[in-house]
PDB file of N, CA and C in Angstrom:
ATOM      1  N   MET A   1       0.780  -1.408   0.007  1.00  0.00           N
ATOM      2  CA  MET A   1      -0.127  -0.028   0.269  1.00  0.00           C
ATOM      3  C   MET A   1       1.163   1.386  -0.240  1.00  0.00           C
ATOM      4  N   VAL A   2       0.272   2.522  -0.182  1.00  0.00           N
ATOM      5  CA  VAL A   2       0.825   3.716  -0.413  1.00  0.00           C
ATOM      6  C   VAL A   2       0.722   4.634   0.902  1.00  0.00           C
ATOM      7  N   ALA A   3       1.602   4.708   1.086  1.00  0.00           N
ATOM      8  CA  ALA A   3       1.532   5.907   2.413  1.00  0.00           C
ATOM      9  C   ALA A   3       0.471   7.273   1.815  1.00  0.00           C
ATOM     10  N   HIS A   4      -0.990   6.977   3.590  1.00  0.00           N
ATOM     11  CA  HIS A   4      -1.012   8.331   2.907  1.00  0.00           C
ATOM     12  C   HIS A   4      -0.893   9.842   3.923  1.00  0.00           C
ATOM     13  N   SER A   5      -1.624  10.915   3.276  1.00  0.00           N
ATOM     14  CA  SER A   5      -0.708  11.522   3.694  1.00  0.00           C
ATOM     15  C   SER A   5      -2.558  11.586   5.100  1.00  0.00           C
ATOM     16  N   TYR A   6      -3.601  11.027   5.383  1.00  0.00           N
ATOM     17  CA  TYR A   6      -4.313  11.155   6.628  1.00  0.00           C
ATOM     18  C   TYR A   6      -3.861  11.068   7.245  1.00  0.00           C
ATOM     19  N   SER A   7      -4.090  11.623   8.299  1.00  0.00           N
ATOM     20  CA  SER A   7      -3.892  11.654   9.491  1.00  0.00           C
ATOM     21  C   SER A   7      -4.227  10.758  10.876  1.00  0.00           C
ATOM     22  N   GLY A   8      -5.317   9.647  10.357  1.00  0.00           N
ATOM     23  CA  GLY A   8      -6.168   8.998  11.428  1.00  0.00           C
ATOM     24  C   GLY A   8      -5.433   7.857  10.611  1.00  0.00           C
ATOM     25  N   VAL A   9      -6.600   6.595  11.292  1.00  0.00           N
ATOM     26  CA  VAL A   9      -6.493   5.538  10.298  1.00  0.00           C
ATOM     27  C   VAL A   9      -7.062   5.505   9.132  1.00  0.00           C
ATOM     28  N   TYR A  10      -6.919   4.207   8.305  1.00  0.00           N
ATOM     29  CA  TYR A  10      -7.657   4.339   7.405  1.00  0.00           C
ATOM     30  C   TYR A  10      -7.269   2.803   6.621  1.00  0.00           C
ATOM     31  N   MET A  11      -7.866   2.044   5.844  1.00  0.00           N
ATOM     32  CA  MET A  11      -8.446   1.796   4.949  1.00  0.00           C
ATOM     33  C   MET A  11      -6.951   0.866   5.092  1.00  0.00           C
ATOM     34  N   GLY A  12      -5.652  -0.339   4.967  1.00  0.00           N
ATOM     35  CA  GLY A  12      -4.712  -0.760   5.479  1.00  0.00           C
ATOM     36  C   GLY A  12      -3.710   0.128   6.255  1.00  0.00           C
ATOM     37  N   TYR A  13      -4.178   0.390   7.054  1.00  0.00           N
ATOM     38  CA  TYR A  13      -3.153   1.456   8.111  1.00  0.00           C
ATOM     39  C   TYR A  13      -2.760  -0.040   8.526  1.00  0.00           C
ATOM     40  N   LEU A  14      -2.943  -1.653   9.234  1.00  0.00           N
ATOM     41  CA  LEU A  14      -2.378  -1.955   9.863  1.00  0.00           C
ATOM     42  C   LEU A  14      -1.135  -2.312   8.917  1.00  0.00           C
ATOM     43  N   ALA A  15      -1.146  -2.848   7.252  1.00  0.00           N
ATOM     44  CA  ALA A  15      -0.406  -3.266   6.607  1.00  0.00           C
ATOM     45  C   ALA A  15       0.460  -2.085   6.586  1.00  0.00           C
ATOM     46  N   ASP A  16       0.323  -1.482   6.327  1.00  0.00           N
ATOM     47  CA  ASP A  16       1.156  -0.318   5.934  1.00  0.00           C
ATOM     48  C   ASP A  16       2.358   0.148   7.727  1.00  0.00           C
ATOM     49  N   MET A  17       1.687   0.054   8.714  1.00  0.00           N
ATOM     50  CA  MET A  17       2.602   0.343  10.115  1.00  0.00           C
ATOM     51  C   MET A  17       3.210  -0.775  10.032  1.00  0.00           C
ATOM     52  N   LEU A  18       2.513  -2.429   9.506  1.00  0.00           N
ATOM     53  CA  LEU A  18       3.591  -2.883   9.822  1.00  0.00           C
ATOM     54  C   LEU A  18       5.051  -3.413   8.900  1.00  0.00           C
ATOM     55  N   ARG A  19       4.786  -2.825   7.628  1.00  0.00           N
ATOM     56  CA  ARG A  19       5.950  -2.290   6.685  1.00  0.00           C
ATOM     57  C   ARG A  19       6.301  -2.062   6.833  1.00  0.00           C
ATOM     58  N   ALA A  20       5.990  -0.680   7.494  1.00  0.00           N
ATOM     59  CA  ALA A  20       7.273   0.537   7.700  1.00  0.00           C
ATOM     60  C   ALA A  20       8.117   0.185   9.192  1.00  0.00           C
ATOM     61  N   GLU A  21       7.461  -0.384  10.387  1.00  0.00           N
ATOM     62  CA  GLU A  21       8.524  -0.678  11.079  1.00  0.00           C
ATOM     63  C   GLU A  21       8.896  -2.080  10.772  1.00  0.00           C
ATOM     64  N   TYR A  22       8.248  -3.239  10.798  1.00  0.00           N
ATOM     65  CA  TYR A  22       8.784  -4.168  10.726  1.00  0.00           C
ATOM     66  C   TYR A  22       9.437  -4.892   9.537  1.00  0.00           C
ATOM     67  N   GLU A  23      11.099  -4.705   8.980  1.00  0.00           N
ATOM     68  CA  GLU A  23      11.484  -4.824   7.640  1.00  0.00           C
ATOM     69  C   GLU A  23      11.011  -5.896   7.441  1.00  0.00           C
ATOM     70  N   ASN A  24      11.528  -7.198   8.418  1.00  0.00           N
ATOM     71  CA  ASN A  24      11.971  -8.509   8.423  1.00  0.00           C
ATOM     72  C   ASN A  24      10.538  -9.211   8.277  1.00  0.00           C
ATOM     73  N   LEU A  25       9.084  -8.695   8.255  1.00  0.00           N
ATOM     74  CA  LEU A  25       8.076  -9.130   8.394  1.00  0.00           C
ATOM     75  C   LEU A  25       7.770  -8.960   7.153  1.00  0.00           C
ATOM     76  N   LEU A  26       7.434 -10.209   6.684  1.00  0.00           N
ATOM     77  CA  LEU A  26       6.728 -10.475   5.695  1.00  0.00           C
ATOM     78  C   LEU A  26       5.054  -9.998   5.101  1.00  0.00           C
ATOM     79  N   VAL A  27       4.249  -9.254   4.786  1.00  0.00           N
ATOM     80  CA  VAL A  27       2.608  -8.817   4.809  1.00  0.00           C
ATOM     81  C   VAL A  27       1.952  -9.246   3.957  1.00  0.00           C
ATOM     82  N   LYS A  28       1.151 -10.038   3.811  1.00  0.00           N
ATOM     83  CA  LYS A  28       0.049 -10.312   2.955  1.00  0.00           C
ATOM     84  C   LYS A  28      -1.674  -9.633   2.933  1.00  0.00           C
ATOM     85  N   ASP A  29      -1.432  -8.957   2.688  1.00  0.00           N
ATOM     86  CA  ASP A  29      -3.201  -8.748   2.129  1.00  0.00           C
ATOM     87  C   ASP A  29      -3.749  -9.811   1.614  1.00  0.00           C
ATOM     88  N   VAL A  30      -4.692 -10.127   2.577  1.00  0.00           N
ATOM     89  CA  VAL A  30      -6.049 -10.787   2.475  1.00  0.00           C
ATOM     90  C   VAL A  30      -7.143 -10.328   2.235  1.00  0.00           C
ATOM     91  N   TYR A  31      -7.466  -9.079   2.955  1.00  0.00           N
ATOM     92  CA  TYR A  31      -8.955  -9.273   2.713  1.00  0.00           C
ATOM     93  C   TYR A  31      -9.033  -7.966   2.619  1.00  0.00           C
ATOM     94  N   THR A  32      -9.615  -6.852   2.624  1.00  0.00           N
ATOM     95  CA  THR A  32     -10.169  -5.684   2.984  1.00  0.00           C
ATOM     96  C   THR A  32     -11.541  -5.087   2.331  1.00  0.00           C
ATOM     97  N   SER A  33     -12.410  -4.548   3.559  1.00  0.00           N
ATOM     98  CA  SER A  33     -13.694  -3.977   2.967  1.00  0.00           C
ATOM     99  C   SER A  33     -13.364  -2.749   3.824  1.00  0.00           C
ATOM    100  N   LYS A  34     -14.694  -2.332   3.771  1.00  0.00           N
ATOM    101  CA  LYS A  34     -15.487  -1.545   4.295  1.00  0.00           C
ATOM    102  C   LYS A  34     -16.928  -1.650   4.585  1.00  0.00           C
ATOM    103  N   LEU A  35     -17.165  -1.998   6.743  1.00  0.00           N
ATOM    104  CA  LEU A  35     -18.293  -2.416   6.297  1.00  0.00           C
ATOM    105  C   LEU A  35     -19.016  -0.774   6.984  1.00  0.00           C
ATOM    106  N   GLY A  36     -19.786   0.046   6.436  1.00  0.00           N
ATOM    107  CA  GLY A  36     -20.342   0.699   6.677  1.00  0.00           C
ATOM    108  C   GLY A  36     -19.162   1.683   6.883  1.00  0.00           C
ATOM    109  N   ASP A  37     -19.149   2.391   8.141  1.00  0.00           N
ATOM    110  CA  ASP A  37     -18.206   3.354   8.265  1.00  0.00           C
ATOM    111  C   ASP A  37     -16.961   2.369   9.266  1.00  0.00           C
ATOM    112  N   THR A  38     -16.525   1.156   9.034  1.00  0.00           N
ATOM    113  CA  THR A  38     -15.582   0.465   9.545  1.00  0.00           C
ATOM    114  C   THR A  38     -14.404   0.049   8.882  1.00  0.00           C
ATOM    115  N   ASP A  39     -13.584   0.640   8.464  1.00  0.00           N
ATOM    116  CA  ASP A  39     -12.548  -0.222   8.379  1.00  0.00           C
ATOM    117  C   ASP A  39     -12.064  -2.128   8.882  1.00  0.00           C
ATOM    118  N   VAL A  40     -12.391  -2.570   7.460  1.00  0.00           N
ATOM    119  CA  VAL A  40     -11.522  -4.140   8.469  1.00  0.00           C
ATOM    120  C   VAL A  40     -10.359  -4.855   6.881  1.00  0.00           C
ATOM    121  N   GLU A  41      -9.195  -4.689   7.708  1.00  0.00           N
ATOM    122  CA  GLU A  41      -8.543  -5.579   7.299  1.00  0.00           C
ATOM    123  C   GLU A  41      -8.126  -7.003   7.839  1.00  0.00           C
ATOM    124  N   ILE A  42      -7.215  -7.912   6.903  1.00  0.00           N
ATOM    125  CA  ILE A  42      -7.040  -9.099   7.411  1.00  0.00           C
ATOM    126  C   ILE A  42      -5.789  -9.938   7.061  1.00  0.00           C
ATOM    127  N   LEU A  43      -4.465  -9.842   7.458  1.00  0.00           N
ATOM    128  CA  LEU A  43      -3.262  -9.827   7.010  1.00  0.00           C
ATOM    129  C   LEU A  43      -2.801 -11.584   7.208  1.00  0.00           C
ATOM    130  N   GLU A  44      -1.719 -11.552   6.575  1.00  0.00           N
ATOM    131  CA  GLU A  44      -0.772 -13.318   6.942  1.00  0.00           C
ATOM    132  C   GLU A  44       0.472 -12.301   6.835  1.00  0.00           C
ATOM    133  N   VAL A  45       1.112 -13.071   8.515  1.00  0.00           N
ATOM    134  CA  VAL A  45       2.082 -12.107   8.048  1.00  0.00           C
ATOM    135  C   VAL A  45       3.454 -12.838   8.328  1.00  0.00           C
ATOM    136  N   SER A  46       3.814 -13.005   8.001  1.00  0.00           N
ATOM    137  CA  SER A  46       5.020 -14.263   8.334  1.00  0.00           C
ATOM    138  C   SER A  46       6.599 -13.713   8.217  1.00  0.00           C
ATOM    139  N   LEU A  47       7.013 -14.788   9.522  1.00  0.00           N
ATOM    140  CA  LEU A  47       8.651 -13.993   9.870  1.00  0.00           C
ATOM    141  C   LEU A  47       9.323 -15.692   9.632  1.00  0.00           C
ATOM    142  N   GLY A  48       9.845 -15.629   8.255  1.00  0.00           N
ATOM    143  CA  GLY A  48      11.095 -16.838   8.170  1.00  0.00           C
ATOM    144  C   GLY A  48       9.486 -18.021   7.779  1.00  0.00           C
ATOM    145  N   GLU A  49       9.437 -19.355   8.494  1.00  0.00           N
ATOM    146  CA  GLU A  49       8.824 -20.292   8.940  1.00  0.00           C
ATOM    147  C   GLU A  49       7.418 -19.876   9.280  1.00  0.00           C
ATOM    148  N   GLN A  50       7.544 -18.879   9.828  1.00  0.00           N
ATOM    149  CA  GLN A  50       6.958 -18.513  11.416  1.00  0.00           C
ATOM    150  C   GLN A  50       5.440 -17.546  10.779  1.00  0.00           C
ATOM    151  N   LYS A  51       4.372 -17.897  11.326  1.00  0.00           N
ATOM    152  CA  LYS A  51       3.473 -17.215  10.710  1.00  0.00           C
ATOM    153  C   LYS A  51       2.291 -16.737  11.307  1.00  0.00           C
ATOM    154  N   PHE A  52       1.322 -15.349  11.771  1.00  0.00           N
ATOM    155  CA  PHE A  52       0.411 -15.193  12.677  1.00  0.00           C
ATOM    156  C   PHE A  52      -0.712 -14.869  11.182  1.00  0.00           C
ATOM    157  N   ILE A  53      -1.746 -14.427  11.983  1.00  0.00           N
ATOM    158  CA  ILE A  53      -3.041 -13.935  11.146  1.00  0.00           C
ATOM    159  C   ILE A  53      -3.123 -12.855  12.433  1.00  0.00           C
ATOM    160  N   ALA A  54      -4.083 -11.388  11.091  1.00  0.00           N
ATOM    161  CA  ALA A  54      -3.783 -10.667  11.754  1.00  0.00           C
ATOM    162  C   ALA A  54      -5.452  -9.843  11.649  1.00  0.00           C
ATOM    163  N   MET A  55      -6.404  -9.643  11.958  1.00  0.00           N
ATOM    164  CA  MET A  55      -7.512  -9.014  12.124  1.00  0.00           C
ATOM    165  C   MET A  55      -7.811  -7.232  12.560  1.00  0.00           C
ATOM    166  N   PHE A  56      -7.441  -6.723  11.919  1.00  0.00           N
ATOM    167  CA  PHE A  56      -7.675  -5.062  12.573  1.00  0.00           C
ATOM    168  C   PHE A  56      -8.731  -3.903  12.108  1.00  0.00           C
ATOM    169  N   GLN A  57      -9.958  -3.796  12.265  1.00  0.00           N
ATOM    170  CA  GLN A  57     -11.024  -2.795  12.639  1.00  0.00           C
ATOM    171  C   GLN A  57     -10.835  -1.787  13.346  1.00  0.00           C
ATOM    172  N   SER A  58     -10.984  -0.675  12.465  1.00  0.00           N
ATOM    173  CA  SER A  58     -11.599   0.862  13.733  1.00  0.00           C
ATOM    174  C   SER A  58     -12.524   1.394  12.636  1.00  0.00           C
ATOM    175  N   ARG A  59     -13.172   2.631  13.445  1.00  0.00           N
ATOM    176  CA  ARG A  59     -14.017   3.619  12.860  1.00  0.00           C
ATOM    177  C   ARG A  59     -14.160   4.571  13.417  1.00  0.00           C
ATOM    178  N   PRO A  60     -13.672   5.431  13.252  1.00  0.00           N
ATOM    179  CA  PRO A  60     -13.775   7.283  13.443  1.00  0.00           C
ATOM    180  C   PRO A  60     -15.180   7.246  14.757  1.00  0.00           C
ATOM    181  N   LEU A  61     -14.625   7.880  15.853  1.00  0.00           N
ATOM    182  CA  LEU A  61     -15.929   8.361  16.542  1.00  0.00           C
ATOM    183  C   LEU A  61     -16.143   9.597  16.467  1.00  0.00           C
ATOM    184  N   LYS A  62     -14.675   9.996  17.240  1.00  0.00           N
ATOM    185  CA  LYS A  62     -15.322  12.081  17.145  1.00  0.00           C
ATOM    186  C   LYS A  62     -13.453  12.457  16.636  1.00  0.00           C
ATOM    187  N   GLU A  63     -13.597  13.450  15.931  1.00  0.00           N
ATOM    188  CA  GLU A  63     -12.115  13.879  15.908  1.00  0.00           C
ATOM    189  C   GLU A  63     -11.054  13.183  16.378  1.00  0.00           C
ATOM    190  N   GLY A  64     -10.532  12.581  15.722  1.00  0.00           N
ATOM    191  CA  GLY A  64      -8.949  11.980  16.233  1.00  0.00           C
ATOM    192  C   GLY A  64      -8.495  10.997  17.333  1.00  0.00           C
ATOM    193  N   ILE A  65     -10.743  10.920  17.631  1.00  0.00           N
ATOM    194  CA  ILE A  65     -10.385   9.728  18.151  1.00  0.00           C
ATOM    195  C   ILE A  65     -11.021   7.988  17.185  1.00  0.00           C
ATOM    196  N   PHE A  66     -11.144   6.667  17.876  1.00  0.00           N
ATOM    197  CA  PHE A  66     -11.095   5.948  16.976  1.00  0.00           C
ATOM    198  C   PHE A  66     -11.691   4.618  17.862  1.00  0.00           C
ATOM    199  N   ARG A  67     -12.502   4.049  17.648  1.00  0.00           N
ATOM    200  CA  ARG A  67     -12.221   2.477  18.275  1.00  0.00           C
ATOM    201  C   ARG A  67     -12.132   1.806  17.251  1.00  0.00           C
ATOM    202  N   TRP A  68     -10.907   0.588  18.143  1.00  0.00           N
ATOM    203  CA  TRP A  68     -10.651  -0.096  17.224  1.00  0.00           C
ATOM    204  C   TRP A  68     -10.579  -1.596  17.619  1.00  0.00           C
ATOM    205  N   SER A  69     -10.552  -2.857  16.738  1.00  0.00           N
ATOM    206  CA  SER A  69     -10.122  -4.123  17.708  1.00  0.00           C
ATOM    207  C   SER A  69      -8.922  -4.836  16.794  1.00  0.00           C
ATOM    208  N   LEU A  70      -7.962  -5.519  17.374  1.00  0.00           N
ATOM    209  CA  LEU A  70      -6.736  -6.285  16.471  1.00  0.00           C
ATOM    210  C   LEU A  70      -7.471  -7.703  17.113  1.00  0.00           C
ATOM    211  N   ILE A  71      -7.060  -8.543  16.922  1.00  0.00           N
ATOM    212  CA  ILE A  71      -6.608  -9.986  16.645  1.00  0.00           C
ATOM    213  C   ILE A  71      -5.565 -10.789  15.905  1.00  0.00           C
ATOM    214  N   ILE A  72      -4.769 -11.152  16.403  1.00  0.00           N
ATOM    215  CA  ILE A  72      -3.562 -11.319  16.315  1.00  0.00           C
ATOM    216  C   ILE A  72      -3.295 -13.144  16.603  1.00  0.00           C
ATOM    217  N   THR A  73      -3.690 -14.255  15.770  1.00  0.00           N
ATOM    218  CA  THR A  73      -3.431 -15.387  15.885  1.00  0.00           C
ATOM    219  C   THR A  73      -2.261 -16.237  15.239  1.00  0.00           C
ATOM    220  N   SER A  74      -1.440 -16.869  15.764  1.00  0.00           N
ATOM    221  CA  SER A  74      -0.610 -17.854  15.493  1.00  0.00           C
ATOM    222  C   SER A  74      -0.756 -18.853  16.043  1.00  0.00           C
ATOM    223  N   PRO A  75       0.035 -20.414  15.911  1.00  0.00           N
ATOM    224  CA  PRO A  75      -0.584 -21.840  16.100  1.00  0.00           C
ATOM    225  C   PRO A  75       0.102 -22.165  17.310  1.00  0.00           C
ATOM    226  N   ASN A  76       0.152 -20.711  18.287  1.00  0.00           N
ATOM    227  CA  ASN A  76       0.673 -21.207  19.592  1.00  0.00           C
ATOM    228  C   ASN A  76      -0.245 -19.925  20.733  1.00  0.00           C
ATOM    229  N   ASN A  77      -0.579 -18.959  20.116  1.00  0.00           N
ATOM    230  CA  ASN A  77      -0.587 -17.977  20.708  1.00  0.00           C
ATOM    231  C   ASN A  77      -2.446 -17.222  20.099  1.00  0.00           C
ATOM    232  N   THR A  78      -2.684 -16.498  20.839  1.00  0.00           N
ATOM    233  CA  THR A  78      -3.865 -15.260  20.415  1.00  0.00           C
ATOM    234  C   THR A  78      -4.126 -14.143  20.883  1.00  0.00           C
ATOM    235  N   ARG A  79      -3.920 -13.634  20.784  1.00  0.00           N
ATOM    236  CA  ARG A  79      -4.374 -11.932  21.348  1.00  0.00           C
ATOM    237  C   ARG A  79      -5.550 -11.174  21.142  1.00  0.00           C
ATOM    238  N   THR A  80      -5.695 -10.383  21.948  1.00  0.00           N
ATOM    239  CA  THR A  80      -7.172  -9.688  21.444  1.00  0.00           C
ATOM    240  C   THR A  80      -7.186  -8.381  22.487  1.00  0.00           C
ATOM    241  N   LEU A  81      -7.405  -7.671  21.350  1.00  0.00           N
ATOM    242  CA  LEU A  81      -6.668  -6.140  22.002  1.00  0.00           C
ATOM    243  C   LEU A  81      -7.907  -5.164  21.170  1.00  0.00           C
ATOM    244  N   LYS A  82      -9.189  -4.425  22.407  1.00  0.00           N
ATOM    245  CA  LYS A  82      -9.641  -3.154  21.503  1.00  0.00           C
ATOM    246  C   LYS A  82      -9.572  -2.216  22.148  1.00  0.00           C
ATOM    247  N   GLY A  83      -9.504  -1.236  22.037  1.00  0.00           N
ATOM    248  CA  GLY A  83     -10.022   0.352  22.245  1.00  0.00           C
ATOM    249  C   GLY A  83     -10.648   1.207  21.634  1.00  0.00           C
ATOM    250  N   MET A  84     -10.571   2.621  22.281  1.00  0.00           N
ATOM    251  CA  MET A  84     -10.620   4.044  21.821  1.00  0.00           C
ATOM    252  C   MET A  84     -10.012   4.992  22.253  1.00  0.00           C
ATOM    253  N   ASP A  85      -8.908   5.086  21.083  1.00  0.00           N
ATOM    254  CA  ASP A  85      -7.710   6.059  21.244  1.00  0.00           C
ATOM    255  C   ASP A  85      -7.019   7.078  20.159  1.00  0.00           C
ATOM    256  N   PRO A  86      -6.592   7.791  20.333  1.00  0.00           N
ATOM    257  CA  PRO A  86      -6.348   8.791  19.460  1.00  0.00           C
ATOM    258  C   PRO A  86      -4.774   7.868  18.453  1.00  0.00           C
ATOM    259  N   LEU A  87      -4.310   8.211  17.515  1.00  0.00           N
ATOM    260  CA  LEU A  87      -3.742   7.377  16.490  1.00  0.00           C
ATOM    261  C   LEU A  87      -2.531   6.771  17.272  1.00  0.00           C
ATOM    262  N   ASP A  88      -1.630   7.970  17.952  1.00  0.00           N
ATOM    263  CA  ASP A  88      -0.645   7.271  18.222  1.00  0.00           C
ATOM    264  C   ASP A  88      -0.909   6.228  19.821  1.00  0.00           C
ATOM    265  N   GLY A  89      -1.476   6.749  20.215  1.00  0.00           N
ATOM    266  CA  GLY A  89      -2.580   5.568  21.022  1.00  0.00           C
ATOM    267  C   GLY A  89      -2.606   3.642  20.319  1.00  0.00           C
ATOM    268  N   ILE A  90      -3.279   4.232  19.465  1.00  0.00           N
ATOM    269  CA  ILE A  90      -3.483   2.870  18.949  1.00  0.00           C
ATOM    270  C   ILE A  90      -1.865   2.474  18.591  1.00  0.00           C
ATOM    271  N   LYS A  91      -1.250   3.070  17.103  1.00  0.00           N
ATOM    272  CA  LYS A  91      -0.167   2.327  17.148  1.00  0.00           C
ATOM    273  C   LYS A  91       0.707   2.247  18.449  1.00  0.00           C
ATOM    274  N   LEU A  92       0.954   2.162  19.631  1.00  0.00           N
ATOM    275  CA  LEU A  92       1.516   1.972  20.730  1.00  0.00           C
ATOM    276  C   LEU A  92       1.226   1.007  20.899  1.00  0.00           C
ATOM    277  N   ALA A  93      -0.260   0.328  21.203  1.00  0.00           N
ATOM    278  CA  ALA A  93      -1.052  -0.817  21.160  1.00  0.00           C
ATOM    279  C   ALA A  93      -0.959  -2.064  20.145  1.00  0.00           C
ATOM    280  N   LEU A  94      -0.499  -1.771  18.870  1.00  0.00           N
ATOM    281  CA  LEU A  94      -0.035  -2.497  17.864  1.00  0.00           C
ATOM    282  C   LEU A  94       0.916  -3.080  17.490  1.00  0.00           C
ATOM    283  N   LYS A  95       2.165  -1.603  18.021  1.00  0.00           N
ATOM    284  CA  LYS A  95       2.932  -2.039  18.281  1.00  0.00           C
ATOM    285  C   LYS A  95       3.655  -3.147  19.288  1.00  0.00           C
ATOM    286  N   SER A  96       3.491  -3.163  20.702  1.00  0.00           N
ATOM    287  CA  SER A  96       3.206  -3.457  21.613  1.00  0.00           C
ATOM    288  C   SER A  96       2.579  -5.162  21.349  1.00  0.00           C
ATOM    289  N   SER A  97       1.993  -5.278  20.601  1.00  0.00           N
ATOM    290  CA  SER A  97       1.186  -6.710  20.631  1.00  0.00           C
ATOM    291  C   SER A  97       2.177  -7.371  19.964  1.00  0.00           C
ATOM    292  N   ILE A  98       2.308  -6.777  18.468  1.00  0.00           N
ATOM    293  CA  ILE A  98       2.994  -7.678  17.115  1.00  0.00           C
ATOM    294  C   ILE A  98       4.054  -7.739  17.831  1.00  0.00           C
ATOM    295  N   ASP A  99       5.567  -6.907  19.075  1.00  0.00           N
ATOM    296  CA  ASP A  99       6.495  -7.216  19.369  1.00  0.00           C
ATOM    297  C   ASP A  99       6.500  -8.628  20.268  1.00  0.00           C
ATOM    298  N   ALA A 100       4.876  -8.822  21.098  1.00  0.00           N
ATOM    299  CA  ALA A 100       4.922  -9.708  22.219  1.00  0.00           C
ATOM    300  C   ALA A 100       5.183 -10.969  20.997  1.00  0.00           C
ATOM    301  N   MET A 101       4.416 -11.152  20.189  1.00  0.00           N
ATOM    302  CA  MET A 101       3.448 -11.517  18.786  1.00  0.00           C
ATOM    303  C   MET A 101       4.695 -12.253  18.532  1.00  0.00           C
ATOM    304  N   MET A 102       5.588 -11.782  17.658  1.00  0.00           N
ATOM    305  CA  MET A 102       6.707 -12.056  17.504  1.00  0.00           C
ATOM    306  C   MET A 102       8.141 -12.678  18.706  1.00  0.00           C
ATOM    307  N   LYS A 103       8.009 -12.136  19.136  1.00  0.00           N
ATOM    308  CA  LYS A 103       8.771 -12.198  20.651  1.00  0.00           C
ATOM    309  C   LYS A 103       8.468 -14.163  20.978  1.00  0.00           C
ATOM    310  N   GLY A 104       7.176 -14.262  21.062  1.00  0.00           N
ATOM    311  CA  GLY A 104       6.237 -15.854  21.032  1.00  0.00           C
ATOM    312  C   GLY A 104       6.809 -16.636  20.154  1.00  0.00           C
ATOM    313  N   MET A 105       6.999 -16.135  18.745  1.00  0.00           N
ATOM    314  CA  MET A 105       7.107 -17.539  17.713  1.00  0.00           C
ATOM    315  C   MET A 105       8.510 -17.446  17.832  1.00  0.00           C
ATOM    316  N   GLU A 106       9.416 -16.756  18.203  1.00  0.00           N
ATOM    317  CA  GLU A 106      10.551 -16.620  18.381  1.00  0.00           C
ATOM    318  C   GLU A 106      11.270 -18.066  19.294  1.00  0.00           C
ATOM    319  N   GLU A 107      10.217 -18.297  19.906  1.00  0.00           N
ATOM    320  CA  GLU A 107      10.533 -19.546  21.304  1.00  0.00           C
ATOM    321  C   GLU A 107      10.120 -20.851  20.975  1.00  0.00           C
TER     322      GLU A 107
END
C-alpha cells in the first residue's frame, strides 16, 4: 500500500504500519473491506517459516478518536485487543502486541 497523508486510521493502516516498522516481516493482504464506516483488514504476516494472522478494524468516533480492535493468531498464541484511542495510542498498542507475538514465535 502507499503511504497516506491522512492523519488518522485508514483502510490498510495495519499493513502499512507493519511494513514500515518491521522490515523483516512479509505482510500479505488477505482481505480489506469497508463495512459501513468501519474499515476491516485481514493480513497474513510471516517471519521466516513462522506465520500469524491479524485482523484489524477501526472506525472514527469523533475528531482524532477511533474505536478499534485487533485479533492476532499464531499456532501457539492468540491476542485480542480493543480500545478507543487517538492514532498514537493505537500505534503503541499495535506495536506492543506485534512485538509480543514475534517474541512468542521465536521461542
